[in-house]
């Protein structure tokens, strides 16, 4: 494409019509002189009316005679025969002061069942190499795991197992530690 010189080009003789302008000439109405003067007169009238109102209520104040008030000691109140004296406050009888030292609490016989040691399985792989890689990743978190080989109907599986844990709380703690290291999906079961 050739270089065009827009500066040397002559001006366009035909101008396109703007489609947003109204067609035909509209008469121009100039009301700019009347409105501001009218609004200014209204504002001046309101301010002067308010000033007159304030001036008129200032002069209408009634003269107040000065009254001398003598401060004296308050009069002592004497009890009259018609007035009833306040009743005595009632005495409260609390029984728990006597019952509490002699109270015996009955404790039911509950057998706490310890369900046994727990294990945590984190994954199950078809390939032993993948199971060993996860075992190494778990070792970097500070936990020890083992890889168990199991045969089932669908073939040979290599399971990555942690445990035994004496309590489920210990297994949960290890599971959270693994989650912080981005090892998810571990399940806790009873040791079998």
Foldseek 3Di string as FASTA:
>chain_A
DDDDDPVPDDDDPDDDDDPPDDPDDDDDDDPPVPVVVVVVVVVVVVVVVVVVVVVVVVVPDDDDDDDDDDDDDDDDDDDDPPDDDDDDDDDDDDDCVVVVVVDDDDDDDDDDDQPFWKKKWQDKAPDVVVLVVVQVLLVVLVFHWDWDWDQDPVGIITIIMGDGDGDVVVVVVSQVSVVVSVRDDMDMDHDD
